[in-house]
Structure formats: C-alpha cells, structure tokens
C-alpha cells in the first residue's frame, strides 16, 4: 500500500528547503527594489529607463508571487496537507517536491491543467 503522507522528519526537510528558497527570493526582491530606484542620469534614454523599470516591476511581481506560493506551502506543512496533490489526493513524489517544493500538484495533474 502506498503511503498517504510524508513523515514529520521528511516534512522538516521540506520546510528547511522552502525557508531557504524564501530567503533567496526575498533577498532578490531587495536587490530588485534597489535597482528600481536607480537613475541613469541625464545621458540615459528615457524609454530605456522606463523599460528597465518595467522589467524590474515584472520581476518583483514574479518574486512576490513565488513568496506567496512558498508561504502557502509552509502553511500546508503546518496543517498537514503538504505533499498531497490537490487534484488527485495522491502523494506528490519526493523528486517533484525537491524540484518544486511549493507545488500543489503531481506531474499528471499539472499536465492535465496545462492542457485544459
């Protein structure tokens, strides 16, 4: 019979990885905020400066979304639902969780969602 949940020890390992990812992402956000405040001076072309600002804002939005995904994964660890596919109810394979620790879906469910 296949197991339905990860052990407390396994969950602690995933939690550590998620917190490491969160620290990296929030560090990236801090450096992006610094870039967004920079000015290229008079010699800078206004349209390229606007483009840089837009790129920075887009990257910050991606990072913000990722922090939210990580926080939700940490919450799932706390409430006992981490590592269980939201669509199938099956345990998400450990290899997938190591690749994308904040995932909510097994590979098959993710593929189905992307097709529909």
C-alpha atoms as a PDB file:
ATOM      1  CA  UNK A   1       0.000   0.000   0.000  1.00  0.00           C
ATOM      2  CA  UNK A   2       1.348   3.421  -0.959  1.00  0.00           C
ATOM      3  CA  UNK A   3       1.850   5.909   1.838  1.00  0.00           C
ATOM      4  CA  UNK A   4      -0.551   8.840   2.028  1.00  0.00           C
ATOM      5  CA  UNK A   5       1.574  11.378   3.946  1.00  0.00           C
ATOM      6  CA  UNK A   6       5.177  12.341   4.500  1.00  0.00           C
ATOM      7  CA  UNK A   7       6.730  11.747   7.921  1.00  0.00           C
ATOM      8  CA  UNK A   8       7.415  14.573  10.340  1.00  0.00           C
ATOM      9  CA  UNK A   9      11.155  14.246   9.585  1.00  0.00           C
ATOM     10  CA  UNK A  10      10.552  14.452   5.804  1.00  0.00           C
ATOM     11  CA  UNK A  11       8.309  17.491   6.306  1.00  0.00           C
ATOM     12  CA  UNK A  12      11.016  19.191   8.383  1.00  0.00           C
ATOM     13  CA  UNK A  13      13.413  18.707   5.460  1.00  0.00           C
ATOM     14  CA  UNK A  14      10.930  20.229   3.016  1.00  0.00           C
ATOM     15  CA  UNK A  15      10.286  23.107   5.416  1.00  0.00           C
ATOM     16  CA  UNK A  16      14.026  23.848   5.597  1.00  0.00           C
ATOM     17  CA  UNK A  17      14.262  23.881   1.776  1.00  0.00           C
ATOM     18  CA  UNK A  18      11.200  26.152   1.484  1.00  0.00           C
ATOM     19  CA  UNK A  19      12.646  28.597   4.019  1.00  0.00           C
ATOM     20  CA  UNK A  20      15.968  28.641   2.128  1.00  0.00           C
ATOM     21  CA  UNK A  21      14.126  29.391  -1.133  1.00  0.00           C
ATOM     22  CA  UNK A  22      12.133  32.113   0.627  1.00  0.00           C
ATOM     23  CA  UNK A  23      15.332  33.755   1.918  1.00  0.00           C
ATOM     24  CA  UNK A  24      16.875  33.700  -1.561  1.00  0.00           C
ATOM     25  CA  UNK A  25      13.743  35.157  -3.170  1.00  0.00           C
ATOM     26  CA  UNK A  26      13.298  37.908  -0.569  1.00  0.00           C
ATOM     27  CA  UNK A  27      16.993  38.741  -0.991  1.00  0.00           C
ATOM     28  CA  UNK A  28      16.406  39.006  -4.749  1.00  0.00           C
ATOM     29  CA  UNK A  29      13.454  41.300  -4.127  1.00  0.00           C
ATOM     30  CA  UNK A  30      15.598  43.616  -2.005  1.00  0.00           C
ATOM     31  CA  UNK A  31      18.191  43.922  -4.759  1.00  0.00           C
ATOM     32  CA  UNK A  32      15.454  44.498  -7.357  1.00  0.00           C
ATOM     33  CA  UNK A  33      13.975  47.295  -5.261  1.00  0.00           C
ATOM     34  CA  UNK A  34      17.416  48.901  -5.192  1.00  0.00           C
ATOM     35  CA  UNK A  35      17.688  48.638  -8.983  1.00  0.00           C
ATOM     36  CA  UNK A  36      14.235  50.118  -9.434  1.00  0.00           C
ATOM     37  CA  UNK A  37      15.237  53.252  -7.503  1.00  0.00           C
ATOM     38  CA  UNK A  38      18.398  53.829  -9.508  1.00  0.00           C
ATOM     39  CA  UNK A  39      18.573  56.638 -12.026  1.00  0.00           C
ATOM     40  CA  UNK A  40      20.563  56.564 -15.197  1.00  0.00           C
ATOM     41  CA  UNK A  41      21.174  60.327 -15.140  1.00  0.00           C
ATOM     42  CA  UNK A  42      20.856  62.851 -17.975  1.00  0.00           C
ATOM     43  CA  UNK A  43      22.666  60.707 -20.532  1.00  0.00           C
ATOM     44  CA  UNK A  44      20.149  57.912 -20.073  1.00  0.00           C
ATOM     45  CA  UNK A  45      17.459  57.444 -22.658  1.00  0.00           C
ATOM     46  CA  UNK A  46      14.034  57.848 -21.020  1.00  0.00           C
ATOM     47  CA  UNK A  47      12.453  54.976 -22.948  1.00  0.00           C
ATOM     48  CA  UNK A  48      15.230  52.553 -21.969  1.00  0.00           C
ATOM     49  CA  UNK A  49      14.942  53.717 -18.354  1.00  0.00           C
ATOM     50  CA  UNK A  50      11.182  53.077 -18.463  1.00  0.00           C
ATOM     51  CA  UNK A  51      11.867  49.652 -19.958  1.00  0.00           C
ATOM     52  CA  UNK A  52      14.304  48.870 -17.107  1.00  0.00           C
ATOM     53  CA  UNK A  53      11.715  49.964 -14.530  1.00  0.00           C
ATOM     54  CA  UNK A  54       9.061  47.827 -16.193  1.00  0.00           C
ATOM     55  CA  UNK A  55      11.378  44.796 -16.220  1.00  0.00           C
ATOM     56  CA  UNK A  56      12.185  45.327 -12.546  1.00  0.00           C
ATOM     57  CA  UNK A  57       8.494  45.610 -11.637  1.00  0.00           C
ATOM     58  CA  UNK A  58       7.679  42.463 -13.604  1.00  0.00           C
ATOM     59  CA  UNK A  59      10.481  40.572 -11.860  1.00  0.00           C
ATOM     60  CA  UNK A  60       9.330  41.862  -8.462  1.00  0.00           C
ATOM     61  CA  UNK A  61       5.775  40.680  -9.203  1.00  0.00           C
ATOM     62  CA  UNK A  62       7.095  37.207 -10.071  1.00  0.00           C
ATOM     63  CA  UNK A  63       9.157  37.147  -6.886  1.00  0.00           C
ATOM     64  CA  UNK A  64       6.151  38.312  -4.827  1.00  0.00           C
ATOM     65  CA  UNK A  65       4.021  35.529  -6.319  1.00  0.00           C
ATOM     66  CA  UNK A  66       6.744  32.993  -5.520  1.00  0.00           C
ATOM     67  CA  UNK A  67       6.988  34.179  -1.900  1.00  0.00           C
ATOM     68  CA  UNK A  68       3.207  33.743  -1.644  1.00  0.00           C
ATOM     69  CA  UNK A  69       3.448  30.190  -3.082  1.00  0.00           C
ATOM     70  CA  UNK A  70       6.223  29.354  -0.602  1.00  0.00           C
ATOM     71  CA  UNK A  71       4.235  30.785   2.328  1.00  0.00           C
ATOM     72  CA  UNK A  72       1.204  28.728   1.288  1.00  0.00           C
ATOM     73  CA  UNK A  73       3.382  25.587   1.091  1.00  0.00           C
ATOM     74  CA  UNK A  74       4.684  26.287   4.603  1.00  0.00           C
ATOM     75  CA  UNK A  75       1.076  26.638   5.757  1.00  0.00           C
ATOM     76  CA  UNK A  76       0.251  23.263   4.157  1.00  0.00           C
ATOM     77  CA  UNK A  77       3.105  21.715   6.144  1.00  0.00           C
ATOM     78  CA  UNK A  78       1.575  23.161   9.322  1.00  0.00           C
ATOM     79  CA  UNK A  79      -1.959  21.985   8.516  1.00  0.00           C
ATOM     80  CA  UNK A  80      -0.869  18.528   7.337  1.00  0.00           C
ATOM     81  CA  UNK A  81      -1.834  18.772   3.664  1.00  0.00           C
ATOM     82  CA  UNK A  82       1.673  19.333   2.230  1.00  0.00           C
ATOM     83  CA  UNK A  83       2.819  16.863  -0.427  1.00  0.00           C
ATOM     84  CA  UNK A  84      -0.680  15.726  -1.339  1.00  0.00           C
ATOM     85  CA  UNK A  85      -1.877  16.527  -4.877  1.00  0.00           C
ATOM     86  CA  UNK A  86      -4.844  18.902  -4.747  1.00  0.00           C
ATOM     87  CA  UNK A  87      -6.461  17.248  -7.781  1.00  0.00           C
ATOM     88  CA  UNK A  88      -5.846  13.523  -7.241  1.00  0.00           C
ATOM     89  CA  UNK A  89      -5.318  13.258  -3.476  1.00  0.00           C
ATOM     90  CA  UNK A  90      -2.220  11.138  -4.157  1.00  0.00           C
ATOM     91  CA  UNK A  91       1.152  11.764  -2.584  1.00  0.00           C
ATOM     92  CA  UNK A  92       3.322  14.002  -4.785  1.00  0.00           C
ATOM     93  CA  UNK A  93       6.617  12.155  -5.478  1.00  0.00           C
ATOM     94  CA  UNK A  94       9.556  13.363  -3.406  1.00  0.00           C
ATOM     95  CA  UNK A  95      11.629  14.089  -6.544  1.00  0.00           C
ATOM     96  CA  UNK A  96       8.975  16.562  -7.733  1.00  0.00           C
ATOM     97  CA  UNK A  97       8.825  18.245  -4.336  1.00  0.00           C
ATOM     98  CA  UNK A  98      12.594  18.578  -4.331  1.00  0.00           C
ATOM     99  CA  UNK A  99      12.463  20.206  -7.778  1.00  0.00           C
ATOM    100  CA  UNK A 100       9.468  22.462  -6.997  1.00  0.00           C
ATOM    101  CA  UNK A 101       8.943  22.393  -3.222  1.00  0.00           C
ATOM    102  CA  UNK A 102       5.922  24.721  -3.352  1.00  0.00           C
ATOM    103  CA  UNK A 103       3.993  22.651  -5.911  1.00  0.00           C
ATOM    104  CA  UNK A 104       0.387  21.673  -5.172  1.00  0.00           C
ATOM    105  CA  UNK A 105       0.024  19.136  -7.977  1.00  0.00           C
ATOM    106  CA  UNK A 106       1.575  15.885  -9.130  1.00  0.00           C
ATOM    107  CA  UNK A 107       3.012  15.864 -12.673  1.00  0.00           C
ATOM    108  CA  UNK A 108      -0.077  14.233 -14.210  1.00  0.00           C
ATOM    109  CA  UNK A 109      -2.495  16.739 -12.646  1.00  0.00           C
ATOM    110  CA  UNK A 110      -0.263  19.650 -13.687  1.00  0.00           C
ATOM    111  CA  UNK A 111      -0.164  18.342 -17.280  1.00  0.00           C
ATOM    112  CA  UNK A 112      -3.972  17.973 -17.317  1.00  0.00           C
ATOM    113  CA  UNK A 113      -4.423  21.567 -16.100  1.00  0.00           C
ATOM    114  CA  UNK A 114      -1.998  22.904 -18.692  1.00  0.00           C
ATOM    115  CA  UNK A 115      -3.838  21.066 -21.490  1.00  0.00           C
ATOM    116  CA  UNK A 116      -7.271  22.353 -20.495  1.00  0.00           C
END
